[in-house]
C-alpha atoms as a PDB file:
ATOM      1  CA  MET A   1      23.969 -42.179  10.271  1.00  0.00           C
ATOM      2  CA  THR A   2      20.329 -41.889   9.331  1.00  0.00           C
ATOM      3  CA  VAL A   3      19.251 -41.028  12.898  1.00  0.00           C
ATOM      4  CA  GLU A   4      21.065 -37.698  13.154  1.00  0.00           C
ATOM      5  CA  PRO A   5      19.282 -35.904  10.281  1.00  0.00           C
ATOM      6  CA  ILE A   6      15.912 -37.015  11.640  1.00  0.00           C
ATOM      7  CA  SER A   7      16.867 -35.711  15.081  1.00  0.00           C
ATOM      8  CA  ASP A   8      18.006 -32.430  13.564  1.00  0.00           C
ATOM      9  CA  ILE A   9      14.717 -32.050  11.722  1.00  0.00           C
ATOM     10  CA  GLN A  10      12.755 -32.705  14.901  1.00  0.00           C
ATOM     11  CA  ILE A  11      14.767 -30.082  16.779  1.00  0.00           C
ATOM     12  CA  ASP A  12      14.270 -27.544  14.002  1.00  0.00           C
ATOM     13  CA  GLU A  13      10.530 -28.191  13.951  1.00  0.00           C
ATOM     14  CA  THR A  14      10.374 -27.701  17.704  1.00  0.00           C
ATOM     15  CA  LYS A  15      12.242 -24.421  17.444  1.00  0.00           C
ATOM     16  CA  LEU A  16       9.955 -23.347  14.616  1.00  0.00           C
ATOM     17  CA  SER A  17       6.892 -24.223  16.678  1.00  0.00           C
ATOM     18  CA  ASN A  18       8.235 -22.241  19.632  1.00  0.00           C
ATOM     19  CA  THR A  19       8.972 -19.278  17.366  1.00  0.00           C
ATOM     20  CA  ASP A  20       5.456 -19.335  15.914  1.00  0.00           C
ATOM     21  CA  SER A  21       3.968 -19.544  19.398  1.00  0.00           C
ATOM     22  CA  ALA A  22       6.070 -16.608  20.616  1.00  0.00           C
ATOM     23  CA  SER A  23       5.131 -14.585  17.536  1.00  0.00           C
ATOM     24  CA  MET A  24       1.420 -15.219  18.134  1.00  0.00           C
ATOM     25  CA  SER A  25       1.870 -14.278  21.795  1.00  0.00           C
ATOM     26  CA  LEU A  26       3.386 -10.942  20.745  1.00  0.00           C
ATOM     27  CA  ARG A  27       0.584 -10.304  18.281  1.00  0.00           C
ATOM     28  CA  ARG A  28      -2.026 -10.916  20.948  1.00  0.00           C
ATOM     29  CA  ARG A  29      -0.079  -8.844  23.440  1.00  0.00           C
ATOM     30  CA  GLY A  30      -0.211  -5.912  21.027  1.00  0.00           C
ATOM     31  CA  PHE A  31      -3.943  -6.473  20.459  1.00  0.00           C
ATOM     32  CA  TYR A  32      -4.787  -6.413  24.168  1.00  0.00           C
ATOM     33  CA  TYR A  33      -2.665  -3.318  24.809  1.00  0.00           C
ATOM     34  CA  CYS A  34      -4.419  -1.464  21.986  1.00  0.00           C
ATOM     35  CA  LEU A  35      -7.868  -2.628  23.087  1.00  0.00           C
ATOM     36  CA  GLY A  36      -7.177  -1.359  26.606  1.00  0.00           C
ATOM     37  CA  SER A  37      -6.012   1.931  25.097  1.00  0.00           C
ATOM     38  CA  SER A  38      -9.275   2.239  23.176  1.00  0.00           C
ATOM     39  CA  LEU A  39     -11.286   1.821  26.362  1.00  0.00           C
ATOM     40  CA  CYS A  40      -9.320   4.630  28.026  1.00  0.00           C
ATOM     41  CA  TYR A  41      -9.626   6.912  25.015  1.00  0.00           C
ATOM     42  CA  THR A  42     -13.353   6.222  24.808  1.00  0.00           C
ATOM     43  CA  LEU A  43     -13.808   7.712  28.278  1.00  0.00           C
ATOM     44  CA  THR A  44     -11.624  10.662  27.303  1.00  0.00           C
ATOM     45  CA  PHE A  45     -13.404  11.390  24.026  1.00  0.00           C
ATOM     46  CA  PHE A  46     -16.807  11.127  25.672  1.00  0.00           C
ATOM     47  CA  LEU A  47     -15.823  13.694  28.307  1.00  0.00           C
ATOM     48  CA  VAL A  48     -14.359  15.931  25.588  1.00  0.00           C
ATOM     49  CA  ARG A  49     -17.644  15.713  23.675  1.00  0.00           C
ATOM     50  CA  CYS A  50     -19.495  16.796  26.831  1.00  0.00           C
ATOM     51  CA  LEU A  51     -17.134  19.782  27.192  1.00  0.00           C
ATOM     52  CA  ALA A  52     -16.699  20.785  23.552  1.00  0.00           C
ATOM     53  CA  GLU A  53     -19.809  22.966  23.364  1.00  0.00           C
ATOM     54  CA  ARG A  54     -19.231  24.610  26.755  1.00  0.00           C
ATOM     55  CA  VAL A  55     -15.582  25.713  26.750  1.00  0.00           C
ATOM     56  CA  ASN A  56     -12.844  26.574  24.277  1.00  0.00           C
ATOM     57  CA  PRO A  57     -11.368  23.387  22.719  1.00  0.00           C
ATOM     58  CA  ASP A  58      -7.845  24.812  23.016  1.00  0.00           C
ATOM     59  CA  TRP A  59      -8.337  25.110  26.783  1.00  0.00           C
ATOM     60  CA  ILE A  60      -9.418  21.453  26.885  1.00  0.00           C
ATOM     61  CA  LEU A  61      -6.299  20.373  25.006  1.00  0.00           C
ATOM     62  CA  CYS A  62      -3.982  22.500  27.168  1.00  0.00           C
ATOM     63  CA  VAL A  63      -5.265  21.295  30.541  1.00  0.00           C
ATOM     64  CA  ARG A  64      -5.859  17.684  29.493  1.00  0.00           C
ATOM     65  CA  GLU A  65      -2.355  17.220  28.084  1.00  0.00           C
ATOM     66  CA  SER A  66      -0.833  19.025  31.085  1.00  0.00           C
ATOM     67  CA  VAL A  67      -1.983  16.094  33.205  1.00  0.00           C
ATOM     68  CA  GLY A  68       0.239  13.772  31.159  1.00  0.00           C
ATOM     69  CA  VAL A  69       3.163  16.197  31.458  1.00  0.00           C
ATOM     70  CA  LEU A  70       2.798  16.412  35.259  1.00  0.00           C
ATOM     71  CA  ILE A  71       2.629  12.627  35.565  1.00  0.00           C
ATOM     72  CA  ALA A  72       5.590  11.900  33.272  1.00  0.00           C
ATOM     73  CA  LEU A  73       8.009  14.655  34.322  1.00  0.00           C
ATOM     74  CA  PRO A  74       8.680  13.380  37.895  1.00  0.00           C
ATOM     75  CA  VAL A  75       9.291   9.888  36.513  1.00  0.00           C
ATOM     76  CA  VAL A  76      11.802  11.170  33.952  1.00  0.00           C
ATOM     77  CA  LEU A  77      13.603  13.285  36.580  1.00  0.00           C
ATOM     78  CA  PHE A  78      13.673  10.481  39.155  1.00  0.00           C
ATOM     79  CA  LEU A  79      15.070   7.925  36.713  1.00  0.00           C
ATOM     80  CA  THR A  80      17.610  10.445  35.409  1.00  0.00           C
ATOM     81  CA  ILE A  81      18.851  11.247  38.925  1.00  0.00           C
ATOM     82  CA  ARG A  82      19.090   7.532  39.740  1.00  0.00           C
ATOM     83  CA  ARG A  83      20.946   7.035  36.449  1.00  0.00           C
ATOM     84  CA  LYS A  84      18.438   4.439  35.316  1.00  0.00           C
ATOM     85  CA  PHE A  85      17.138   6.488  32.405  1.00  0.00           C
ATOM     86  CA  VAL A  86      18.546   5.775  28.943  1.00  0.00           C
ATOM     87  CA  TRP A  87      18.210   8.932  26.878  1.00  0.00           C
ATOM     88  CA  PRO A  88      17.600   8.288  23.166  1.00  0.00           C
ATOM     89  CA  SER A  89      19.475  10.040  20.392  1.00  0.00           C
ATOM     90  CA  LEU A  90      18.640  13.574  19.281  1.00  0.00           C
ATOM     91  CA  LYS A  91      17.169  12.086  16.105  1.00  0.00           C
ATOM     92  CA  VAL A  92      14.687  10.029  18.138  1.00  0.00           C
ATOM     93  CA  ILE A  93      13.806  13.031  20.328  1.00  0.00           C
ATOM     94  CA  ALA A  94      13.164  15.077  17.166  1.00  0.00           C
ATOM     95  CA  ALA A  95      10.947  12.273  15.860  1.00  0.00           C
ATOM     96  CA  LEU A  96       8.998  12.308  19.136  1.00  0.00           C
ATOM     97  CA  LEU A  97       8.427  16.051  18.888  1.00  0.00           C
ATOM     98  CA  LEU A  98       7.281  15.658  15.284  1.00  0.00           C
ATOM     99  CA  ALA A  99       4.948  12.839  16.328  1.00  0.00           C
ATOM    100  CA  GLY A 100       3.646  15.107  19.077  1.00  0.00           C
ATOM    101  CA  PHE A 101       2.854  17.822  16.543  1.00  0.00           C
ATOM    102  CA  PHE A 102       0.875  15.422  14.348  1.00  0.00           C
ATOM    103  CA  CYS A 103      -0.847  13.761  17.310  1.00  0.00           C
ATOM    104  CA  GLU A 104      -1.705  16.856  19.317  1.00  0.00           C
ATOM    105  CA  PHE A 105      -1.970  19.749  16.869  1.00  0.00           C
ATOM    106  CA  LEU A 106      -3.477  17.983  13.859  1.00  0.00           C
ATOM    107  CA  GLY A 107      -4.985  15.039  15.730  1.00  0.00           C
ATOM    108  CA  ALA A 108      -6.286  15.884  19.194  1.00  0.00           C
ATOM    109  CA  ARG A 109      -6.964  19.574  18.603  1.00  0.00           C
ATOM    110  CA  LEU A 110      -8.910  19.070  15.372  1.00  0.00           C
ATOM    111  CA  ARG A 111     -10.748  16.070  16.861  1.00  0.00           C
ATOM    112  CA  ILE A 112     -12.156  18.313  19.586  1.00  0.00           C
ATOM    113  CA  TRP A 113     -13.337  20.832  17.000  1.00  0.00           C
ATOM    114  CA  SER A 114     -14.906  18.138  14.802  1.00  0.00           C
ATOM    115  CA  TYR A 115     -16.761  16.697  17.806  1.00  0.00           C
ATOM    116  CA  ALA A 116     -18.149  20.135  18.558  1.00  0.00           C
ATOM    117  CA  VAL A 117     -19.366  20.517  14.955  1.00  0.00           C
ATOM    118  CA  LEU A 118     -20.567  17.002  14.085  1.00  0.00           C
ATOM    119  CA  GLY A 119     -21.099  15.105  17.359  1.00  0.00           C
ATOM    120  CA  LEU A 120     -19.842  11.602  18.207  1.00  0.00           C
ATOM    121  CA  VAL A 121     -22.049   9.558  15.887  1.00  0.00           C
ATOM    122  CA  LEU A 122     -20.832  11.238  12.684  1.00  0.00           C
ATOM    123  CA  ALA A 123     -17.378  12.650  13.502  1.00  0.00           C
ATOM    124  CA  ASN A 124     -15.788   9.517  14.954  1.00  0.00           C
ATOM    125  CA  PRO A 125     -16.579   7.215  11.977  1.00  0.00           C
ATOM    126  CA  LEU A 126     -15.110   9.734   9.544  1.00  0.00           C
ATOM    127  CA  ILE A 127     -11.952  10.046  11.627  1.00  0.00           C
ATOM    128  CA  GLN A 128     -11.636   6.255  11.885  1.00  0.00           C
ATOM    129  CA  ILE A 129     -11.976   5.440   8.202  1.00  0.00           C
ATOM    130  CA  SER A 130      -9.597   8.172   7.083  1.00  0.00           C
ATOM    131  CA  THR A 131      -7.034   6.998   9.648  1.00  0.00           C
ATOM    132  CA  ILE A 132      -7.283   3.324   8.627  1.00  0.00           C
ATOM    133  CA  LEU A 133      -7.067   4.048   4.900  1.00  0.00           C
ATOM    134  CA  GLU A 134      -4.101   6.356   5.218  1.00  0.00           C
ATOM    135  CA  THR A 135      -2.239   4.141   7.701  1.00  0.00           C
ATOM    136  CA  LEU A 136      -2.750   0.990   5.640  1.00  0.00           C
ATOM    137  CA  LEU A 137      -1.399   2.658   2.499  1.00  0.00           C
ATOM    138  CA  LEU A 138       1.411   4.698   4.040  1.00  0.00           C
ATOM    139  CA  GLY A 139       2.409   1.840   6.360  1.00  0.00           C
ATOM    140  CA  ALA A 140       2.937  -0.441   3.362  1.00  0.00           C
ATOM    141  CA  ILE A 141       4.898   2.255   1.490  1.00  0.00           C
ATOM    142  CA  LEU A 142       6.979   3.845   4.254  1.00  0.00           C
ATOM    143  CA  LEU A 143       7.348   1.014   6.799  1.00  0.00           C
ATOM    144  CA  ARG A 144       6.989  -1.906   4.373  1.00  0.00           C
ATOM    145  CA  GLU A 145       4.291  -3.469   6.520  1.00  0.00           C
ATOM    146  CA  ARG A 146       2.950  -6.686   5.022  1.00  0.00           C
ATOM    147  CA  VAL A 147      -0.518  -6.453   3.487  1.00  0.00           C
ATOM    148  CA  SER A 148      -1.914  -9.975   4.000  1.00  0.00           C
ATOM    149  CA  PHE A 149      -5.246 -11.382   2.841  1.00  0.00           C
ATOM    150  CA  LYS A 150      -6.512 -11.442   6.426  1.00  0.00           C
ATOM    151  CA  LYS A 151      -5.544  -7.790   6.898  1.00  0.00           C
ATOM    152  CA  ILE A 152      -7.373  -6.863   3.693  1.00  0.00           C
ATOM    153  CA  ALA A 153     -10.441  -8.830   4.840  1.00  0.00           C
ATOM    154  CA  ALA A 154     -10.441  -7.050   8.205  1.00  0.00           C
ATOM    155  CA  PHE A 155      -9.995  -3.717   6.451  1.00  0.00           C
ATOM    156  CA  VAL A 156     -12.936  -4.369   4.105  1.00  0.00           C
ATOM    157  CA  VAL A 157     -15.254  -5.409   6.940  1.00  0.00           C
ATOM    158  CA  LEU A 158     -14.276  -2.422   9.070  1.00  0.00           C
ATOM    159  CA  SER A 159     -14.581  -0.042   6.119  1.00  0.00           C
ATOM    160  CA  VAL A 160     -18.102  -1.248   5.359  1.00  0.00           C
ATOM    161  CA  ALA A 161     -18.949  -0.902   9.041  1.00  0.00           C
ATOM    162  CA  ILE A 162     -17.622   2.642   9.274  1.00  0.00           C
ATOM    163  CA  ILE A 163     -19.191   3.727   5.983  1.00  0.00           C
ATOM    164  CA  SER A 164     -22.514   2.298   7.124  1.00  0.00           C
ATOM    165  CA  VAL A 165     -22.369   4.462  10.237  1.00  0.00           C
ATOM    166  CA  ALA A 166     -20.890   7.585   8.666  1.00  0.00           C
ATOM    167  CA  PHE A 167     -23.142   7.703   5.613  1.00  0.00           C
ATOM    168  CA  SER A 168     -26.394   6.800   7.274  1.00  0.00           C
ATOM    169  CA  HIS A 169     -29.049   9.497   7.240  1.00  0.00           C
ATOM    170  CA  THR A 170     -27.813  10.759  10.613  1.00  0.00           C
ATOM    171  CA  GLY A 171     -27.045  14.439  10.236  1.00  0.00           C
ATOM    172  CA  MET A 172     -26.269  14.228   6.503  1.00  0.00           C
ATOM    173  CA  GLU A 173     -29.272  16.038   4.942  1.00  0.00           C
ATOM    174  CA  PRO A 174     -27.771  19.576   5.033  1.00  0.00           C
ATOM    175  CA  LEU A 175     -24.586  18.341   3.351  1.00  0.00           C
ATOM    176  CA  LEU A 176     -26.544  16.785   0.481  1.00  0.00           C
ATOM    177  CA  GLU A 177     -28.330  20.064  -0.216  1.00  0.00           C
ATOM    178  CA  ASP A 178     -25.306  22.395  -0.227  1.00  0.00           C
ATOM    179  CA  SER A 179     -21.670  22.539  -1.333  1.00  0.00           C
ATOM    180  CA  PHE A 180     -18.951  20.820   0.648  1.00  0.00           C
ATOM    181  CA  LEU A 181     -17.032  23.644   2.317  1.00  0.00           C
ATOM    182  CA  THR A 182     -19.786  26.208   2.710  1.00  0.00           C
ATOM    183  CA  THR A 183     -21.845  24.275   5.241  1.00  0.00           C
ATOM    184  CA  HIS A 184     -21.599  23.724   8.964  1.00  0.00           C
ATOM    185  CA  ILE A 185     -21.304  19.967   8.381  1.00  0.00           C
ATOM    186  CA  GLY A 186     -18.869  20.425   5.488  1.00  0.00           C
ATOM    187  CA  TRP A 187     -16.300  22.093   7.721  1.00  0.00           C
ATOM    188  CA  GLY A 188     -16.809  19.363  10.304  1.00  0.00           C
ATOM    189  CA  ILE A 189     -16.016  16.671   7.740  1.00  0.00           C
ATOM    190  CA  ALA A 190     -12.896  18.533   6.619  1.00  0.00           C
ATOM    191  CA  LEU A 191     -11.756  18.721  10.245  1.00  0.00           C
ATOM    192  CA  ALA A 192     -12.423  14.992  10.730  1.00  0.00           C
ATOM    193  CA  LEU A 193     -10.374  14.043   7.648  1.00  0.00           C
ATOM    194  CA  LEU A 194      -7.443  16.190   8.751  1.00  0.00           C
ATOM    195  CA  THR A 195      -7.672  14.610  12.201  1.00  0.00           C
ATOM    196  CA  GLY A 196      -7.279  11.188  10.586  1.00  0.00           C
ATOM    197  CA  LEU A 197      -4.166  12.349   8.734  1.00  0.00           C
ATOM    198  CA  GLY A 198      -2.626  13.651  11.950  1.00  0.00           C
ATOM    199  CA  HIS A 199      -3.213  10.353  13.742  1.00  0.00           C
ATOM    200  CA  THR A 200      -1.830   8.379  10.787  1.00  0.00           C
ATOM    201  CA  LEU A 201       1.459  10.256  10.786  1.00  0.00           C
ATOM    202  CA  PHE A 202       1.703   9.864  14.566  1.00  0.00           C
ATOM    203  CA  TYR A 203       1.175   6.081  14.358  1.00  0.00           C
ATOM    204  CA  LEU A 204       3.780   5.671  11.615  1.00  0.00           C
ATOM    205  CA  ILE A 205       6.459   7.646  13.443  1.00  0.00           C
ATOM    206  CA  MET A 206       5.894   5.905  16.782  1.00  0.00           C
ATOM    207  CA  ARG A 207       5.847   2.468  15.160  1.00  0.00           C
ATOM    208  CA  LYS A 208       9.091   3.230  13.340  1.00  0.00           C
ATOM    209  CA  ILE A 209      11.059   4.304  16.426  1.00  0.00           C
ATOM    210  CA  SER A 210       9.578   1.951  19.031  1.00  0.00           C
ATOM    211  CA  LYS A 211       9.071  -1.378  17.225  1.00  0.00           C
ATOM    212  CA  LYS A 212      10.114  -4.497  19.176  1.00  0.00           C
ATOM    213  CA  GLU A 213      10.630  -7.940  17.688  1.00  0.00           C
ATOM    214  CA  SER A 214      10.454  -9.741  21.046  1.00  0.00           C
ATOM    215  CA  VAL A 215       9.414  -9.112  24.642  1.00  0.00           C
ATOM    216  CA  ASN A 216      13.012  -8.655  25.796  1.00  0.00           C
ATOM    217  CA  ALA A 217      14.156  -6.513  22.883  1.00  0.00           C
ATOM    218  CA  ASP A 218      15.227  -2.947  23.590  1.00  0.00           C
ATOM    219  CA  SER A 219      13.103   0.009  22.491  1.00  0.00           C
ATOM    220  CA  ALA A 220      14.574   3.332  21.409  1.00  0.00           C
ATOM    221  CA  VAL A 221      11.820   5.225  23.203  1.00  0.00           C
ATOM    222  CA  PRO A 222      11.282   5.205  26.989  1.00  0.00           C
ATOM    223  CA  LEU A 223       7.537   5.370  27.671  1.00  0.00           C
ATOM    224  CA  SER A 224       7.807   8.186  30.200  1.00  0.00           C
ATOM    225  CA  LEU A 225       9.819  10.366  27.809  1.00  0.00           C
ATOM    226  CA  SER A 226       7.436   9.843  24.883  1.00  0.00           C
ATOM    227  CA  LEU A 227       4.479  10.661  27.155  1.00  0.00           C
ATOM    228  CA  PHE A 228       6.204  13.805  28.440  1.00  0.00           C
ATOM    229  CA  LEU A 229       7.313  15.212  25.070  1.00  0.00           C
ATOM    230  CA  ILE A 230       4.135  14.482  23.133  1.00  0.00           C
ATOM    231  CA  CYS A 231       1.805  15.759  25.853  1.00  0.00           C
ATOM    232  CA  LEU A 232       4.056  18.812  26.224  1.00  0.00           C
ATOM    233  CA  VAL A 233       3.468  19.666  22.562  1.00  0.00           C
ATOM    234  CA  GLY A 234      -0.299  19.495  23.140  1.00  0.00           C
ATOM    235  CA  ALA A 235      -0.176  21.580  26.315  1.00  0.00           C
ATOM    236  CA  VAL A 236       2.019  24.284  24.765  1.00  0.00           C
ATOM    237  CA  THR A 237       0.123  24.569  21.463  1.00  0.00           C
ATOM    238  CA  GLY A 238      -3.308  24.409  23.100  1.00  0.00           C
ATOM    239  CA  GLY A 239      -2.329  26.884  25.792  1.00  0.00           C
ATOM    240  CA  GLY A 240      -0.753  29.239  23.271  1.00  0.00           C
ATOM    241  CA  PHE A 241      -3.856  29.401  21.098  1.00  0.00           C
ATOM    242  CA  PHE A 242      -6.129  29.799  24.137  1.00  0.00           C
ATOM    243  CA  LEU A 243      -4.071  32.621  25.642  1.00  0.00           C
ATOM    244  CA  ALA A 244      -3.802  34.407  22.309  1.00  0.00           C
ATOM    245  CA  LYS A 245      -7.562  34.363  21.863  1.00  0.00           C
ATOM    246  CA  GLU A 246      -8.957  34.583  25.409  1.00  0.00           C
ATOM    247  CA  GLY A 247      -6.165  35.935  27.611  1.00  0.00           C
ATOM    248  CA  GLY A 248      -4.882  34.633  30.946  1.00  0.00           C
ATOM    249  CA  LYS A 249      -7.952  35.788  32.906  1.00  0.00           C
ATOM    250  CA  ALA A 250     -10.109  33.368  30.920  1.00  0.00           C
ATOM    251  CA  PHE A 251      -8.654  30.425  32.881  1.00  0.00           C
ATOM    252  CA  ALA A 252     -10.314  31.732  36.064  1.00  0.00           C
ATOM    253  CA  ALA A 253     -13.704  31.998  34.336  1.00  0.00           C
ATOM    254  CA  ILE A 254     -13.908  28.255  33.579  1.00  0.00           C
ATOM    255  CA  PRO A 255     -16.616  26.544  35.728  1.00  0.00           C
ATOM    256  CA  ALA A 256     -15.390  24.137  38.417  1.00  0.00           C
ATOM    257  CA  ASN A 257     -17.253  21.147  36.966  1.00  0.00           C
ATOM    258  CA  CYS A 258     -15.460  21.646  33.633  1.00  0.00           C
ATOM    259  CA  TRP A 259     -12.119  21.484  35.423  1.00  0.00           C
ATOM    260  CA  VAL A 260     -13.128  18.193  37.048  1.00  0.00           C
ATOM    261  CA  LEU A 261     -14.194  16.640  33.745  1.00  0.00           C
ATOM    262  CA  VAL A 262     -11.092  17.725  31.863  1.00  0.00           C
ATOM    263  CA  LEU A 263      -8.745  16.512  34.617  1.00  0.00           C
ATOM    264  CA  VAL A 264     -10.422  13.092  34.580  1.00  0.00           C
ATOM    265  CA  SER A 265     -10.088  13.185  30.810  1.00  0.00           C
ATOM    266  CA  GLY A 266      -6.371  13.884  31.243  1.00  0.00           C
ATOM    267  CA  VAL A 267      -5.924  10.775  33.374  1.00  0.00           C
ATOM    268  CA  GLY A 268      -7.730   8.765  30.678  1.00  0.00           C
ATOM    269  CA  VAL A 269      -5.463  10.186  27.965  1.00  0.00           C
ATOM    270  CA  THR A 270      -2.364   9.325  29.978  1.00  0.00           C
ATOM    271  CA  ALA A 271      -3.442   5.712  30.519  1.00  0.00           C
ATOM    272  CA  GLY A 272      -4.591   5.362  26.916  1.00  0.00           C
ATOM    273  CA  PHE A 273      -1.370   6.853  25.563  1.00  0.00           C
ATOM    274  CA  LEU A 274       0.830   4.492  27.565  1.00  0.00           C
ATOM    275  CA  LEU A 275      -1.153   1.428  26.464  1.00  0.00           C
ATOM    276  CA  LEU A 276      -1.195   2.629  22.849  1.00  0.00           C
ATOM    277  CA  ASN A 277       2.578   3.031  22.774  1.00  0.00           C
ATOM    278  CA  LEU A 278       3.030  -0.427  24.257  1.00  0.00           C
ATOM    279  CA  GLY A 279       0.735  -1.762  21.544  1.00  0.00           C
ATOM    280  CA  LEU A 280       2.719  -0.017  18.798  1.00  0.00           C
ATOM    281  CA  ARG A 281       5.807  -1.915  19.912  1.00  0.00           C
ATOM    282  CA  TYR A 282       4.228  -5.268  19.055  1.00  0.00           C
ATOM    283  CA  ALA A 283       1.572  -4.475  16.402  1.00  0.00           C
ATOM    284  CA  SER A 284       1.793  -2.867  12.983  1.00  0.00           C
ATOM    285  CA  ALA A 285       0.474   0.654  12.569  1.00  0.00           C
ATOM    286  CA  ALA A 286      -2.384  -0.586  10.369  1.00  0.00           C
ATOM    287  CA  LYS A 287      -3.447  -3.151  12.959  1.00  0.00           C
ATOM    288  CA  VAL A 288      -3.440  -0.510  15.703  1.00  0.00           C
ATOM    289  CA  THR A 289      -5.779   1.724  13.701  1.00  0.00           C
ATOM    290  CA  MET A 290      -8.128  -1.195  13.052  1.00  0.00           C
ATOM    291  CA  ILE A 291      -8.326  -2.100  16.739  1.00  0.00           C
ATOM    292  CA  ALA A 292      -9.099   1.558  17.460  1.00  0.00           C
ATOM    293  CA  VAL A 293     -12.425   1.075  15.651  1.00  0.00           C
ATOM    294  CA  SER A 294     -13.618  -0.356  18.972  1.00  0.00           C
ATOM    295  CA  GLN A 295     -13.883   3.314  19.977  1.00  0.00           C
ATOM    296  CA  LEU A 296     -16.505   3.699  17.249  1.00  0.00           C
ATOM    297  CA  VAL A 297     -18.693   1.071  18.890  1.00  0.00           C
ATOM    298  CA  LEU A 298     -18.337   2.447  22.401  1.00  0.00           C
ATOM    299  CA  LEU A 299     -18.636   6.124  21.463  1.00  0.00           C
ATOM    300  CA  THR A 300     -21.697   5.523  19.306  1.00  0.00           C
ATOM    301  CA  LEU A 301     -23.397   3.715  22.182  1.00  0.00           C
ATOM    302  CA  LEU A 302     -22.536   6.570  24.539  1.00  0.00           C
ATOM    303  CA  GLY A 303     -23.669   9.144  21.984  1.00  0.00           C
ATOM    304  CA  ARG A 304     -26.976   7.362  21.515  1.00  0.00           C
ATOM    305  CA  PHE A 305     -27.916   6.416  25.090  1.00  0.00           C
ATOM    306  CA  VAL A 306     -26.279   9.210  27.102  1.00  0.00           C
ATOM    307  CA  LEU A 307     -26.246  12.222  24.770  1.00  0.00           C
ATOM    308  CA  HIS A 308     -29.387  11.080  22.875  1.00  0.00           C
ATOM    309  CA  GLU A 309     -27.819  11.558  19.441  1.00  0.00           C
ATOM    310  CA  PRO A 310     -29.955  10.090  16.617  1.00  0.00           C
ATOM    311  CA  THR A 311     -29.220   6.646  15.133  1.00  0.00           C
ATOM    312  CA  ASN A 312     -30.882   4.303  12.644  1.00  0.00           C
ATOM    313  CA  ILE A 313     -30.623   0.777  11.215  1.00  0.00           C
ATOM    314  CA  PHE A 314     -27.452   1.619   9.252  1.00  0.00           C
ATOM    315  CA  VAL A 315     -25.682   2.679  12.442  1.00  0.00           C
ATOM    316  CA  TRP A 316     -26.535  -0.593  14.196  1.00  0.00           C
ATOM    317  CA  LEU A 317     -25.561  -2.659  11.151  1.00  0.00           C
ATOM    318  CA  GLY A 318     -22.230  -0.854  11.087  1.00  0.00           C
ATOM    319  CA  LEU A 319     -21.605  -1.545  14.768  1.00  0.00           C
ATOM    320  CA  GLY A 320     -22.215  -5.261  14.256  1.00  0.00           C
ATOM    321  CA  LEU A 321     -19.770  -5.400  11.344  1.00  0.00           C
ATOM    322  CA  ALA A 322     -17.233  -3.406  13.363  1.00  0.00           C
ATOM    323  CA  CYS A 323     -17.276  -6.064  16.086  1.00  0.00           C
ATOM    324  CA  ILE A 324     -16.608  -8.770  13.463  1.00  0.00           C
ATOM    325  CA  GLY A 325     -13.767  -6.752  11.928  1.00  0.00           C
ATOM    326  CA  ILE A 326     -12.126  -6.157  15.317  1.00  0.00           C
ATOM    327  CA  PHE A 327     -12.266  -9.899  16.031  1.00  0.00           C
ATOM    328  CA  LEU A 328     -10.420 -10.534  12.770  1.00  0.00           C
ATOM    329  CA  THR A 329      -7.518  -8.323  13.882  1.00  0.00           C
ATOM    330  CA  ILE A 330      -6.561 -10.393  16.954  1.00  0.00           C
ATOM    331  CA  ASP A 331      -3.865 -12.456  15.191  1.00  0.00           C
ATOM    332  CA  LEU A 332      -3.015 -10.065  12.348  1.00  0.00           C
ATOM    333  CA  ASP A 333       0.641  -9.501  11.303  1.00  0.00           C
END
């Protein structure tokens, strides 16, 4: 009679060990998806920075997001015709459109403008820290995401890293001598902070409707549909603003090399978006924003060595801390 309880305990411990191992596997799966997304977005943002001072940012958004629409639409139609496409509820579709508004109108559109005003070295850190702060707080309140000691430690390290980069002497002298919203840099900072808010709301909505507890669990959001609807919002809003300001003839006046760069950027956005949405299925919204700080490291390096933007010791200290903070996020949640 004493053997059976011991056997039961051993079986339970084995199941618990397998559950812990599967949970860690999911956490790492989400980390790698998000890291791959950051690499794709880094290419995209770098190309956007190269274009931002040459062409209208609304044109960039319109054409870039149209690439995602043209890639996703045939997939949606093909799967629908073959009756292999599971359409989500109208509530989920409405949530996708709302996420698209926050991602594309407040996020992507204002990011392009802030890059044009501030450059990569200053704009991207401000966007990152506002996004992490807002997602960490709102994720805990709205999605009840657990705020663990390790998550707080990663947040502190990443915050110090981002602040070190953002509030170095790079480009900040005019702001210190004038009022906040009456300077060239002041408007750029306002744009960067609003960009962070847009991305935060996008992350929270997508995490809410696409979260998966296991590899085989169903998701309410087909990847192709989310790509199509969200990119469609960006293409329509960007195109609408561009046409209202420049007119249809302005499309023909865009140089050929700008078209090439923005189309490549569109492919990068599509790949990054798909990987990001896969990551949001397995990682909390706060963790996703922390992993995205890897863009800070890559974009700052590109800004320094390719675009010759100024840096100093505080920038390099911040990049080192950012690498440590990203490492801490691997097994978060």
